[in-house]
C-alpha atoms as a PDB file:
ATOM      1  CA  MET A   1      46.460  36.429 -23.541  1.00  0.00           C
ATOM      2  CA  GLY A   2      43.623  35.739 -21.070  1.00  0.00           C
ATOM      3  CA  ARG A   3      43.958  31.955 -21.377  1.00  0.00           C
ATOM      4  CA  SER A   4      47.735  32.068 -20.944  1.00  0.00           C
ATOM      5  CA  LEU A   5      47.382  34.231 -17.835  1.00  0.00           C
ATOM      6  CA  LEU A   6      44.679  31.940 -16.447  1.00  0.00           C
ATOM      7  CA  LEU A   7      46.887  28.866 -16.994  1.00  0.00           C
ATOM      8  CA  PHE A   8      49.757  30.626 -15.236  1.00  0.00           C
ATOM      9  CA  LEU A   9      47.549  31.479 -12.246  1.00  0.00           C
ATOM     10  CA  LEU A  10      46.303  27.878 -12.055  1.00  0.00           C
ATOM     11  CA  VAL A  11      49.828  26.427 -12.063  1.00  0.00           C
ATOM     12  CA  LEU A  12      51.094  29.018  -9.592  1.00  0.00           C
ATOM     13  CA  GLY A  13      48.051  28.564  -7.353  1.00  0.00           C
ATOM     14  CA  PHE A  14      48.448  24.804  -7.079  1.00  0.00           C
ATOM     15  CA  GLU A  15      52.196  25.185  -6.547  1.00  0.00           C
ATOM     16  CA  LEU A  16      51.607  27.598  -3.661  1.00  0.00           C
ATOM     17  CA  VAL A  17      49.008  25.366  -2.031  1.00  0.00           C
ATOM     18  CA  PHE A  18      50.797  22.053  -2.326  1.00  0.00           C
ATOM     19  CA  PHE A  19      54.475  22.952  -2.534  1.00  0.00           C
ATOM     20  CA  GLY A  20      54.710  26.372  -0.883  1.00  0.00           C
ATOM     21  CA  ALA A  21      57.379  26.399   1.796  1.00  0.00           C
ATOM     22  CA  VAL A  22      56.056  27.419   5.178  1.00  0.00           C
ATOM     23  CA  HIS A  23      58.944  27.720   7.553  1.00  0.00           C
ATOM     24  CA  GLY A  24      58.618  27.555  11.301  1.00  0.00           C
ATOM     25  CA  SER A  25      60.461  29.921  13.614  1.00  0.00           C
ATOM     26  CA  GLU A  26      63.769  28.820  15.105  1.00  0.00           C
ATOM     27  CA  GLY A  27      64.635  31.878  17.186  1.00  0.00           C
ATOM     28  CA  ASP A  28      62.377  31.122  20.174  1.00  0.00           C
ATOM     29  CA  ALA A  29      63.707  27.531  20.320  1.00  0.00           C
ATOM     30  CA  HIS A  30      67.362  28.604  20.644  1.00  0.00           C
ATOM     31  CA  PRO A  31      68.879  27.805  24.089  1.00  0.00           C
ATOM     32  CA  LEU A  32      70.439  31.268  24.457  1.00  0.00           C
ATOM     33  CA  TYR A  33      67.097  32.967  23.840  1.00  0.00           C
ATOM     34  CA  MET A  34      65.289  30.649  26.250  1.00  0.00           C
ATOM     35  CA  GLU A  35      67.956  31.268  28.895  1.00  0.00           C
ATOM     36  CA  CYS A  36      67.642  35.030  28.416  1.00  0.00           C
ATOM     37  CA  ILE A  37      63.846  34.856  28.814  1.00  0.00           C
ATOM     38  CA  ASP A  38      64.090  32.705  31.939  1.00  0.00           C
ATOM     39  CA  GLN A  39      66.615  34.996  33.630  1.00  0.00           C
ATOM     40  CA  CYS A  40      64.758  38.156  32.612  1.00  0.00           C
ATOM     41  CA  GLU A  41      61.375  37.016  33.932  1.00  0.00           C
ATOM     42  CA  LYS A  42      62.894  35.903  37.234  1.00  0.00           C
ATOM     43  CA  THR A  43      65.184  38.839  37.955  1.00  0.00           C
ATOM     44  CA  GLY A  44      64.496  41.491  35.312  1.00  0.00           C
ATOM     45  CA  ALA A  45      68.199  41.480  34.423  1.00  0.00           C
ATOM     46  CA  LEU A  46      69.567  41.648  30.881  1.00  0.00           C
ATOM     47  CA  LYS A  47      73.085  41.918  29.492  1.00  0.00           C
ATOM     48  CA  GLU A  48      72.460  45.587  28.837  1.00  0.00           C
ATOM     49  CA  GLY A  49      69.952  47.157  31.208  1.00  0.00           C
ATOM     50  CA  SER A  50      66.940  45.673  32.957  1.00  0.00           C
ATOM     51  CA  VAL A  51      63.170  45.286  32.623  1.00  0.00           C
ATOM     52  CA  LYS A  52      61.328  47.332  35.249  1.00  0.00           C
ATOM     53  CA  HIS A  53      58.067  45.377  34.922  1.00  0.00           C
ATOM     54  CA  CYS A  54      59.796  42.218  36.151  1.00  0.00           C
ATOM     55  CA  MET A  55      61.038  43.869  39.345  1.00  0.00           C
ATOM     56  CA  THR A  56      57.570  43.732  40.929  1.00  0.00           C
ATOM     57  CA  SER A  57      55.665  40.905  39.307  1.00  0.00           C
ATOM     58  CA  SER A  58      56.080  38.499  36.413  1.00  0.00           C
ATOM     59  CA  ASP A  59      52.368  38.292  35.822  1.00  0.00           C
ATOM     60  CA  ASP A  60      50.704  40.007  32.901  1.00  0.00           C
ATOM     61  CA  PHE A  61      48.266  41.797  35.231  1.00  0.00           C
ATOM     62  CA  PRO A  62      48.065  42.406  38.986  1.00  0.00           C
ATOM     63  CA  SER A  63      45.806  39.452  39.725  1.00  0.00           C
ATOM     64  CA  ASP A  64      46.147  39.807  43.530  1.00  0.00           C
ATOM     65  CA  ASP A  65      44.206  43.069  43.529  1.00  0.00           C
ATOM     66  CA  PRO A  66      40.400  43.071  43.410  1.00  0.00           C
ATOM     67  CA  TRP A  67      38.908  43.849  39.977  1.00  0.00           C
ATOM     68  CA  TYR A  68      37.837  47.386  40.943  1.00  0.00           C
ATOM     69  CA  LYS A  69      41.454  48.302  41.798  1.00  0.00           C
ATOM     70  CA  GLN A  70      42.889  47.016  38.553  1.00  0.00           C
ATOM     71  CA  GLU A  71      43.459  49.308  35.588  1.00  0.00           C
ATOM     72  CA  PRO A  72      40.884  49.251  32.784  1.00  0.00           C
ATOM     73  CA  LEU A  73      41.665  46.936  29.875  1.00  0.00           C
ATOM     74  CA  TYR A  74      42.482  49.780  27.472  1.00  0.00           C
ATOM     75  CA  LEU A  75      45.122  51.060  29.925  1.00  0.00           C
ATOM     76  CA  GLN A  76      46.570  47.573  30.439  1.00  0.00           C
ATOM     77  CA  TRP A  77      46.718  47.148  26.666  1.00  0.00           C
ATOM     78  CA  LYS A  78      48.846  50.233  26.034  1.00  0.00           C
ATOM     79  CA  GLU A  79      51.461  49.322  28.675  1.00  0.00           C
ATOM     80  CA  TRP A  80      54.158  46.698  28.281  1.00  0.00           C
ATOM     81  CA  ASN A  81      54.462  43.919  30.856  1.00  0.00           C
ATOM     82  CA  CYS A  82      57.224  41.625  32.057  1.00  0.00           C
ATOM     83  CA  LYS A  83      56.591  38.871  29.530  1.00  0.00           C
ATOM     84  CA  SER A  84      56.326  41.136  26.468  1.00  0.00           C
ATOM     85  CA  ASP A  85      59.305  43.280  27.500  1.00  0.00           C
ATOM     86  CA  CYS A  86      61.509  40.251  28.168  1.00  0.00           C
ATOM     87  CA  ARG A  87      60.626  38.763  24.810  1.00  0.00           C
ATOM     88  CA  TYR A  88      61.333  42.004  22.979  1.00  0.00           C
ATOM     89  CA  HIS A  89      64.656  42.795  24.644  1.00  0.00           C
ATOM     90  CA  CYS A  90      65.883  39.187  24.451  1.00  0.00           C
ATOM     91  CA  MET A  91      65.054  39.104  20.747  1.00  0.00           C
ATOM     92  CA  MET A  92      66.886  42.396  20.234  1.00  0.00           C
ATOM     93  CA  GLN A  93      69.840  41.019  22.173  1.00  0.00           C
ATOM     94  CA  ARG A  94      69.932  37.791  20.144  1.00  0.00           C
ATOM     95  CA  GLU A  95      69.640  39.621  16.824  1.00  0.00           C
ATOM     96  CA  LYS A  96      72.493  41.935  17.798  1.00  0.00           C
ATOM     97  CA  GLU A  97      74.647  38.894  18.630  1.00  0.00           C
ATOM     98  CA  ARG A  98      73.742  37.243  15.321  1.00  0.00           C
ATOM     99  CA  GLU A  99      74.562  40.410  13.399  1.00  0.00           C
ATOM    100  CA  GLU A 100      77.998  40.543  15.052  1.00  0.00           C
ATOM    101  CA  LEU A 101      78.567  36.960  13.888  1.00  0.00           C
ATOM    102  CA  GLY A 102      77.551  37.856  10.331  1.00  0.00           C
ATOM    103  CA  LEU A 103      74.283  35.917  10.508  1.00  0.00           C
ATOM    104  CA  GLY A 104      70.950  37.058   9.130  1.00  0.00           C
ATOM    105  CA  PRO A 105      67.738  37.688  11.098  1.00  0.00           C
ATOM    106  CA  ILE A 106      65.438  34.818  12.092  1.00  0.00           C
ATOM    107  CA  LYS A 107      61.844  34.551  13.281  1.00  0.00           C
ATOM    108  CA  TYR A 108      60.691  34.342  16.888  1.00  0.00           C
ATOM    109  CA  HIS A 109      57.301  32.921  17.843  1.00  0.00           C
ATOM    110  CA  GLY A 110      56.365  32.753  14.163  1.00  0.00           C
ATOM    111  CA  LYS A 111      57.159  36.428  13.500  1.00  0.00           C
ATOM    112  CA  TRP A 112      60.053  38.669  12.557  1.00  0.00           C
ATOM    113  CA  LEU A 113      61.422  41.105  15.103  1.00  0.00           C
ATOM    114  CA  PHE A 114      60.145  44.653  14.590  1.00  0.00           C
ATOM    115  CA  LYS A 115      61.326  47.871  16.174  1.00  0.00           C
ATOM    116  CA  ARG A 116      58.746  49.387  18.473  1.00  0.00           C
ATOM    117  CA  VAL A 117      57.378  52.893  17.979  1.00  0.00           C
ATOM    118  CA  SER A 118      55.695  54.156  21.162  1.00  0.00           C
ATOM    119  CA  VAL A 119      52.942  51.586  21.911  1.00  0.00           C
ATOM    120  CA  PHE A 120      52.988  50.182  18.357  1.00  0.00           C
ATOM    121  CA  GLN A 121      54.578  46.782  17.818  1.00  0.00           C
ATOM    122  CA  GLU A 122      54.353  46.899  14.000  1.00  0.00           C
ATOM    123  CA  PRO A 123      53.552  50.540  13.228  1.00  0.00           C
ATOM    124  CA  LEU A 124      53.495  50.258   9.428  1.00  0.00           C
ATOM    125  CA  SER A 125      51.241  47.186   9.354  1.00  0.00           C
ATOM    126  CA  ALA A 126      48.951  48.738  11.979  1.00  0.00           C
ATOM    127  CA  ILE A 127      48.554  51.964   9.968  1.00  0.00           C
ATOM    128  CA  LEU A 128      47.937  50.099   6.699  1.00  0.00           C
ATOM    129  CA  SER A 129      45.397  47.827   8.412  1.00  0.00           C
ATOM    130  CA  ALA A 130      43.522  50.859   9.709  1.00  0.00           C
ATOM    131  CA  LEU A 131      43.619  52.429   6.225  1.00  0.00           C
ATOM    132  CA  THR A 132      42.268  49.234   4.640  1.00  0.00           C
ATOM    133  CA  LEU A 133      39.535  49.152   7.288  1.00  0.00           C
ATOM    134  CA  LEU A 134      38.534  52.661   6.236  1.00  0.00           C
ATOM    135  CA  VAL A 135      38.485  51.656   2.552  1.00  0.00           C
ATOM    136  CA  GLN A 136      36.415  48.563   3.374  1.00  0.00           C
ATOM    137  CA  PHE A 137      33.907  50.616   5.344  1.00  0.00           C
ATOM    138  CA  ASN A 138      33.633  53.171   2.560  1.00  0.00           C
ATOM    139  CA  GLY A 139      33.189  50.402  -0.020  1.00  0.00           C
ATOM    140  CA  TRP A 140      30.510  48.611   1.982  1.00  0.00           C
ATOM    141  CA  LEU A 141      28.654  51.886   2.732  1.00  0.00           C
ATOM    142  CA  SER A 142      28.629  52.901  -0.934  1.00  0.00           C
ATOM    143  CA  PHE A 143      27.351  49.421  -1.857  1.00  0.00           C
ATOM    144  CA  PHE A 144      24.606  49.696   0.783  1.00  0.00           C
ATOM    145  CA  LEU A 145      23.471  53.070  -0.538  1.00  0.00           C
ATOM    146  CA  LEU A 146      23.584  51.827  -4.120  1.00  0.00           C
ATOM    147  CA  VAL A 147      21.428  48.706  -3.726  1.00  0.00           C
ATOM    148  CA  HIS A 148      18.947  50.114  -1.212  1.00  0.00           C
ATOM    149  CA  TYR A 149      18.505  53.717  -2.369  1.00  0.00           C
ATOM    150  CA  LYS A 150      19.842  54.223  -5.897  1.00  0.00           C
ATOM    151  CA  LEU A 151      18.873  51.032  -7.737  1.00  0.00           C
ATOM    152  CA  PRO A 152      15.195  50.082  -8.217  1.00  0.00           C
ATOM    153  CA  LEU A 153      13.588  47.764  -5.648  1.00  0.00           C
ATOM    154  CA  ARG A 154      11.107  44.948  -6.231  1.00  0.00           C
ATOM    155  CA  PRO A 155       7.661  46.650  -6.123  1.00  0.00           C
ATOM    156  CA  GLU A 156       5.916  43.796  -4.291  1.00  0.00           C
ATOM    157  CA  THR A 157       8.468  43.255  -1.493  1.00  0.00           C
ATOM    158  CA  ARG A 158      10.631  46.441  -1.573  1.00  0.00           C
ATOM    159  CA  LYS A 159      13.682  44.184  -1.573  1.00  0.00           C
ATOM    160  CA  THR A 160      16.630  44.483  -3.919  1.00  0.00           C
ATOM    161  CA  TYR A 161      16.683  42.727  -7.279  1.00  0.00           C
ATOM    162  CA  TYR A 162      20.282  41.684  -6.641  1.00  0.00           C
ATOM    163  CA  GLU A 163      20.091  38.200  -5.126  1.00  0.00           C
ATOM    164  CA  PHE A 164      23.462  38.407  -3.363  1.00  0.00           C
ATOM    165  CA  THR A 165      22.871  41.629  -1.432  1.00  0.00           C
ATOM    166  CA  GLY A 166      22.619  39.923   1.962  1.00  0.00           C
ATOM    167  CA  LEU A 167      25.753  37.854   1.360  1.00  0.00           C
ATOM    168  CA  TRP A 168      27.761  40.954   0.487  1.00  0.00           C
ATOM    169  CA  HIS A 169      26.535  42.705   3.633  1.00  0.00           C
ATOM    170  CA  ILE A 170      27.748  39.737   5.695  1.00  0.00           C
ATOM    171  CA  TYR A 171      31.037  39.830   3.804  1.00  0.00           C
ATOM    172  CA  GLY A 172      31.400  43.529   4.634  1.00  0.00           C
ATOM    173  CA  ILE A 173      30.920  42.817   8.352  1.00  0.00           C
ATOM    174  CA  PHE A 174      33.476  39.976   8.286  1.00  0.00           C
ATOM    175  CA  SER A 175      35.915  42.130   6.333  1.00  0.00           C
ATOM    176  CA  MET A 176      35.695  45.173   8.607  1.00  0.00           C
ATOM    177  CA  ASN A 177      35.967  42.935  11.666  1.00  0.00           C
ATOM    178  CA  ALA A 178      39.102  41.254  10.300  1.00  0.00           C
ATOM    179  CA  TRP A 179      40.866  44.519   9.459  1.00  0.00           C
ATOM    180  CA  PHE A 180      39.873  46.020  12.796  1.00  0.00           C
ATOM    181  CA  TRP A 181      41.550  43.168  14.665  1.00  0.00           C
ATOM    182  CA  SER A 182      44.501  43.331  12.298  1.00  0.00           C
ATOM    183  CA  SER A 183      45.103  46.960  13.271  1.00  0.00           C
ATOM    184  CA  ILE A 184      44.734  46.094  16.973  1.00  0.00           C
ATOM    185  CA  TYR A 185      47.010  43.053  16.822  1.00  0.00           C
ATOM    186  CA  HIS A 186      49.763  44.778  14.858  1.00  0.00           C
ATOM    187  CA  SER A 187      49.623  47.655  17.308  1.00  0.00           C
ATOM    188  CA  ARG A 188      50.216  45.392  20.274  1.00  0.00           C
ATOM    189  CA  TYR A 189      50.957  41.672  20.562  1.00  0.00           C
ATOM    190  CA  ALA A 190      48.944  39.829  23.207  1.00  0.00           C
ATOM    191  CA  ASP A 191      47.460  36.350  23.408  1.00  0.00           C
ATOM    192  CA  TRP A 192      43.910  37.632  23.068  1.00  0.00           C
ATOM    193  CA  THR A 193      44.646  40.073  20.212  1.00  0.00           C
ATOM    194  CA  GLU A 194      46.513  37.318  18.373  1.00  0.00           C
ATOM    195  CA  LYS A 195      43.601  34.885  18.660  1.00  0.00           C
ATOM    196  CA  PHE A 196      41.071  37.493  17.550  1.00  0.00           C
ATOM    197  CA  TYR A 197      43.305  38.419  14.617  1.00  0.00           C
ATOM    198  CA  TYR A 198      43.833  34.891  13.312  1.00  0.00           C
ATOM    199  CA  SER A 199      40.234  33.842  13.979  1.00  0.00           C
ATOM    200  CA  SER A 200      38.743  36.850  12.180  1.00  0.00           C
ATOM    201  CA  ALA A 201      41.125  36.360   9.225  1.00  0.00           C
ATOM    202  CA  VAL A 202      40.096  32.700   8.829  1.00  0.00           C
ATOM    203  CA  ALA A 203      36.420  33.658   9.159  1.00  0.00           C
ATOM    204  CA  LEU A 204      36.799  36.295   6.430  1.00  0.00           C
ATOM    205  CA  LEU A 205      38.667  33.987   4.055  1.00  0.00           C
ATOM    206  CA  GLY A 206      36.214  31.162   4.702  1.00  0.00           C
ATOM    207  CA  PHE A 207      33.126  33.245   4.028  1.00  0.00           C
ATOM    208  CA  SER A 208      34.817  34.766   0.961  1.00  0.00           C
ATOM    209  CA  LEU A 209      35.292  31.265  -0.464  1.00  0.00           C
ATOM    210  CA  ILE A 210      31.624  30.417   0.184  1.00  0.00           C
ATOM    211  CA  LEU A 211      30.556  33.684  -1.470  1.00  0.00           C
ATOM    212  CA  SER A 212      32.771  33.067  -4.501  1.00  0.00           C
ATOM    213  CA  ILE A 213      31.225  29.617  -5.039  1.00  0.00           C
ATOM    214  CA  MET A 214      27.675  30.932  -4.690  1.00  0.00           C
ATOM    215  CA  ARG A 215      28.218  33.855  -7.054  1.00  0.00           C
ATOM    216  CA  ALA A 216      30.226  31.910  -9.643  1.00  0.00           C
ATOM    217  CA  PHE A 217      27.654  29.098  -9.821  1.00  0.00           C
ATOM    218  CA  ASN A 218      24.715  31.493  -9.346  1.00  0.00           C
ATOM    219  CA  VAL A 219      23.397  29.626  -6.293  1.00  0.00           C
ATOM    220  CA  ARG A 220      20.169  31.432  -5.401  1.00  0.00           C
ATOM    221  CA  ALA A 221      17.902  28.859  -3.717  1.00  0.00           C
ATOM    222  CA  GLU A 222      18.151  28.878   0.069  1.00  0.00           C
ATOM    223  CA  ALA A 223      18.322  25.064   0.290  1.00  0.00           C
ATOM    224  CA  SER A 224      21.189  24.953  -2.199  1.00  0.00           C
ATOM    225  CA  ARG A 225      23.035  27.679  -0.336  1.00  0.00           C
ATOM    226  CA  VAL A 226      22.753  25.738   2.906  1.00  0.00           C
ATOM    227  CA  MET A 227      24.094  22.600   1.203  1.00  0.00           C
ATOM    228  CA  VAL A 228      27.086  24.521  -0.138  1.00  0.00           C
ATOM    229  CA  ALA A 229      27.841  26.495   3.014  1.00  0.00           C
ATOM    230  CA  ALA A 230      27.258  23.866   5.736  1.00  0.00           C
ATOM    231  CA  PRO A 231      30.339  21.623   5.174  1.00  0.00           C
ATOM    232  CA  LEU A 232      32.622  24.608   4.603  1.00  0.00           C
ATOM    233  CA  LEU A 233      31.321  26.409   7.698  1.00  0.00           C
ATOM    234  CA  ALA A 234      31.884  23.237   9.727  1.00  0.00           C
ATOM    235  CA  PHE A 235      35.502  23.049   8.534  1.00  0.00           C
ATOM    236  CA  PHE A 236      36.263  26.728   9.159  1.00  0.00           C
ATOM    237  CA  THR A 237      34.618  26.649  12.591  1.00  0.00           C
ATOM    238  CA  THR A 238      36.614  23.554  13.544  1.00  0.00           C
ATOM    239  CA  HIS A 239      39.839  25.209  12.415  1.00  0.00           C
ATOM    240  CA  ILE A 240      39.118  28.361  14.425  1.00  0.00           C
ATOM    241  CA  LEU A 241      38.314  26.313  17.534  1.00  0.00           C
ATOM    242  CA  TYR A 242      41.538  24.344  17.019  1.00  0.00           C
ATOM    243  CA  LEU A 243      43.592  27.553  16.884  1.00  0.00           C
ATOM    244  CA  ASN A 244      41.929  29.046  19.957  1.00  0.00           C
ATOM    245  CA  PHE A 245      41.532  26.108  22.312  1.00  0.00           C
ATOM    246  CA  TYR A 246      44.055  23.469  21.259  1.00  0.00           C
ATOM    247  CA  ARG A 247      47.106  24.880  19.533  1.00  0.00           C
ATOM    248  CA  LEU A 248      47.890  28.083  17.650  1.00  0.00           C
ATOM    249  CA  ASP A 249      49.766  26.352  14.834  1.00  0.00           C
ATOM    250  CA  TYR A 250      51.215  29.082  12.602  1.00  0.00           C
ATOM    251  CA  SER A 251      52.384  26.658   9.897  1.00  0.00           C
ATOM    252  CA  LEU A 252      49.046  24.848   9.637  1.00  0.00           C
ATOM    253  CA  ASN A 253      47.089  28.109   9.673  1.00  0.00           C
ATOM    254  CA  THR A 254      49.232  29.553   6.883  1.00  0.00           C
ATOM    255  CA  LYS A 255      48.663  26.476   4.721  1.00  0.00           C
ATOM    256  CA  VAL A 256      44.901  26.593   5.327  1.00  0.00           C
ATOM    257  CA  CYS A 257      44.680  30.332   4.568  1.00  0.00           C
ATOM    258  CA  VAL A 258      46.842  29.991   1.444  1.00  0.00           C
ATOM    259  CA  ALA A 259      44.639  27.157   0.175  1.00  0.00           C
ATOM    260  CA  ILE A 260      41.409  29.096   0.830  1.00  0.00           C
ATOM    261  CA  GLY A 261      42.725  32.349  -0.600  1.00  0.00           C
ATOM    262  CA  THR A 262      44.167  30.736  -3.726  1.00  0.00           C
ATOM    263  CA  ALA A 263      40.977  28.737  -4.369  1.00  0.00           C
ATOM    264  CA  GLN A 264      38.689  31.753  -4.248  1.00  0.00           C
ATOM    265  CA  LEU A 265      40.989  33.882  -6.387  1.00  0.00           C
ATOM    266  CA  LEU A 266      41.053  31.169  -9.053  1.00  0.00           C
ATOM    267  CA  ILE A 267      37.259  30.818  -8.879  1.00  0.00           C
ATOM    268  CA  TRP A 268      36.744  34.558  -9.420  1.00  0.00           C
ATOM    269  CA  ALA A 269      39.328  34.701 -12.233  1.00  0.00           C
ATOM    270  CA  ILE A 270      37.909  31.673 -14.079  1.00  0.00           C
ATOM    271  CA  TRP A 271      34.323  32.870 -13.612  1.00  0.00           C
ATOM    272  CA  GLY A 272      35.172  36.344 -14.926  1.00  0.00           C
ATOM    273  CA  SER A 273      36.797  34.846 -18.036  1.00  0.00           C
ATOM    274  CA  VAL A 274      34.107  32.260 -18.775  1.00  0.00           C
ATOM    275  CA  THR A 275      31.158  34.642 -18.318  1.00  0.00           C
ATOM    276  CA  ARG A 276      32.965  37.595 -19.955  1.00  0.00           C
ATOM    277  CA  HIS A 277      31.846  39.789 -17.091  1.00  0.00           C
ATOM    278  CA  PRO A 278      32.145  43.537 -17.811  1.00  0.00           C
ATOM    279  CA  SER A 279      34.354  43.827 -14.727  1.00  0.00           C
ATOM    280  CA  GLY A 280      36.534  40.924 -15.847  1.00  0.00           C
ATOM    281  CA  ALA A 281      39.621  43.145 -16.093  1.00  0.00           C
ATOM    282  CA  LYS A 282      39.189  44.211 -12.477  1.00  0.00           C
ATOM    283  CA  LEU A 283      38.888  40.568 -11.415  1.00  0.00           C
ATOM    284  CA  TRP A 284      42.157  39.781 -13.197  1.00  0.00           C
ATOM    285  CA  VAL A 285      43.923  42.644 -11.424  1.00  0.00           C
ATOM    286  CA  ILE A 286      42.494  41.493  -8.081  1.00  0.00           C
ATOM    287  CA  ALA A 287      43.484  37.866  -8.783  1.00  0.00           C
ATOM    288  CA  ILE A 288      47.047  38.799  -9.770  1.00  0.00           C
ATOM    289  CA  GLY A 289      47.361  41.132  -6.785  1.00  0.00           C
ATOM    290  CA  GLY A 290      45.959  38.465  -4.459  1.00  0.00           C
ATOM    291  CA  ILE A 291      48.323  35.778  -5.791  1.00  0.00           C
ATOM    292  CA  SER A 292      51.214  38.230  -5.389  1.00  0.00           C
ATOM    293  CA  ALA A 293      50.195  38.755  -1.756  1.00  0.00           C
ATOM    294  CA  VAL A 294      50.079  34.982  -1.217  1.00  0.00           C
ATOM    295  CA  VAL A 295      53.587  34.656  -2.690  1.00  0.00           C
ATOM    296  CA  LEU A 296      54.835  37.383  -0.366  1.00  0.00           C
ATOM    297  CA  GLU A 297      53.198  35.709   2.646  1.00  0.00           C
ATOM    298  CA  ILE A 298      54.944  32.412   1.910  1.00  0.00           C
ATOM    299  CA  TYR A 299      58.335  33.572   0.651  1.00  0.00           C
ATOM    300  CA  ASP A 300      58.536  36.545   2.985  1.00  0.00           C
ATOM    301  CA  PHE A 301      61.580  38.612   3.879  1.00  0.00           C
ATOM    302  CA  PRO A 302      62.732  40.186   7.151  1.00  0.00           C
ATOM    303  CA  PRO A 303      61.629  43.750   7.937  1.00  0.00           C
ATOM    304  CA  TYR A 304      63.618  46.438   6.153  1.00  0.00           C
ATOM    305  CA  MET A 305      65.135  48.792   8.721  1.00  0.00           C
ATOM    306  CA  GLY A 306      63.079  46.893  11.301  1.00  0.00           C
ATOM    307  CA  TYR A 307      59.722  48.196  10.035  1.00  0.00           C
ATOM    308  CA  ALA A 308      58.585  46.924   6.588  1.00  0.00           C
ATOM    309  CA  ASP A 309      58.451  43.200   5.859  1.00  0.00           C
ATOM    310  CA  ALA A 310      56.590  41.152   3.234  1.00  0.00           C
ATOM    311  CA  HIS A 311      53.494  41.200   5.448  1.00  0.00           C
ATOM    312  CA  ALA A 312      53.465  45.008   5.385  1.00  0.00           C
ATOM    313  CA  VAL A 313      53.793  44.973   1.576  1.00  0.00           C
ATOM    314  CA  CYS A 314      50.742  42.685   1.446  1.00  0.00           C
ATOM    315  CA  PHE A 315      48.829  45.207   3.530  1.00  0.00           C
ATOM    316  CA  LEU A 316      49.952  47.946   1.159  1.00  0.00           C
ATOM    317  CA  LEU A 317      48.515  45.930  -1.747  1.00  0.00           C
ATOM    318  CA  ALA A 318      45.290  45.426   0.200  1.00  0.00           C
ATOM    319  CA  VAL A 319      44.437  49.151   0.161  1.00  0.00           C
ATOM    320  CA  PRO A 320      43.949  49.616  -3.620  1.00  0.00           C
ATOM    321  CA  LEU A 321      42.684  46.032  -4.056  1.00  0.00           C
ATOM    322  CA  SER A 322      39.938  46.646  -1.466  1.00  0.00           C
ATOM    323  CA  TYR A 323      38.793  49.721  -3.355  1.00  0.00           C
ATOM    324  CA  LEU A 324      38.846  47.815  -6.650  1.00  0.00           C
ATOM    325  CA  TRP A 325      36.996  44.880  -5.086  1.00  0.00           C
ATOM    326  CA  TRP A 326      34.029  46.925  -3.895  1.00  0.00           C
ATOM    327  CA  SER A 327      33.983  48.679  -7.263  1.00  0.00           C
ATOM    328  CA  PHE A 328      33.496  45.245  -8.890  1.00  0.00           C
ATOM    329  CA  VAL A 329      30.773  44.335  -6.364  1.00  0.00           C
ATOM    330  CA  LYS A 330      28.807  47.497  -7.164  1.00  0.00           C
ATOM    331  CA  GLU A 331      29.134  46.973 -10.897  1.00  0.00           C
ATOM    332  CA  ASP A 332      27.972  43.372 -10.505  1.00  0.00           C
ATOM    333  CA  ALA A 333      24.943  44.539  -8.508  1.00  0.00           C
ATOM    334  CA  GLU A 334      24.035  47.072 -11.200  1.00  0.00           C
ATOM    335  CA  LEU A 335      24.457  44.497 -13.979  1.00  0.00           C
ATOM    336  CA  ARG A 336      22.333  41.835 -12.276  1.00  0.00           C
ATOM    337  CA  THR A 337      19.624  44.355 -11.387  1.00  0.00           C
ATOM    338  CA  LEU A 338      19.303  45.532 -14.985  1.00  0.00           C
ATOM    339  CA  THR A 339      19.346  41.950 -16.284  1.00  0.00           C
ATOM    340  CA  ILE A 340      16.591  40.793 -13.927  1.00  0.00           C
ATOM    341  CA  MET A 341      14.441  43.883 -14.625  1.00  0.00           C
ATOM    342  CA  LYS A 342      14.637  43.209 -18.379  1.00  0.00           C
ATOM    343  CA  LYS A 343      13.514  39.608 -17.842  1.00  0.00           C
ATOM    344  CA  THR A 344      10.551  40.628 -15.694  1.00  0.00           C
ATOM    345  CA  LYS A 345       9.208  43.107 -18.223  1.00  0.00           C
END
């Protein structure tokens, strides 16, 4: 059963990485949408109604005023501006026209169109991101208390027996940072929230891959860790710089994230099977859930009722998987601590 499931995950993983369809968005390239945006930003006029923010200025922020007269960033963030309002209402207008013609929804700027709720752009994804952030914090805190206060420490140095404690602390920071920016970005689209969101997600996935390699191959020597991490860190850093300062390529970023995510899931699943780790069952559940999330990310569907799309379902999966993941980490720390203590006696 285990070998059959592992073979299935391997085949599916390589299929997703090399043959997974990543479709670009066609909505923002349509002439009617571009014409609507151009007219809206210049005059504030739409077919039905108008955009009040475009009546005074088309800029995102009142740049003519001195900095001490401008609103604080948190107040600017919660208010819509000309550009964001024009995009939203033009997308709504285009989707209404397509629905009247019997056509299905399409993506704009790499994303589906969601119905706003107050200041929230994607309310369901924002709430689930915040919930996952809470689970991640709770998981990391319980791990911290376990290794530093509940498990025995080395008598000569007062450090933990578990050799991967520091790496898991770094992982916790990357993870909480990524889910924090996910909740911010899905609350409100902006260039800076988008870049922080994608950058933190790549950083988390990249470090997770490094951690999976080090734990699976039991890399403990500092020199060996540097040799493993250096080329991967260089690649991930280059990719993040590319997204932020050259081009925010949604298709390329999806392919990179799918490849990284699939690779680490396969590493954990294979390692759990080969070593017969006591938490092997949890690793299988996490691997299957992670692969399912990857499938949803690639072959996604438009938001149901304008609120829940495949991305939101992935975030829903992330809540229990995050809890299960930190449960595995704590069990691994306990197992390694006991094993090392037996060897030292």
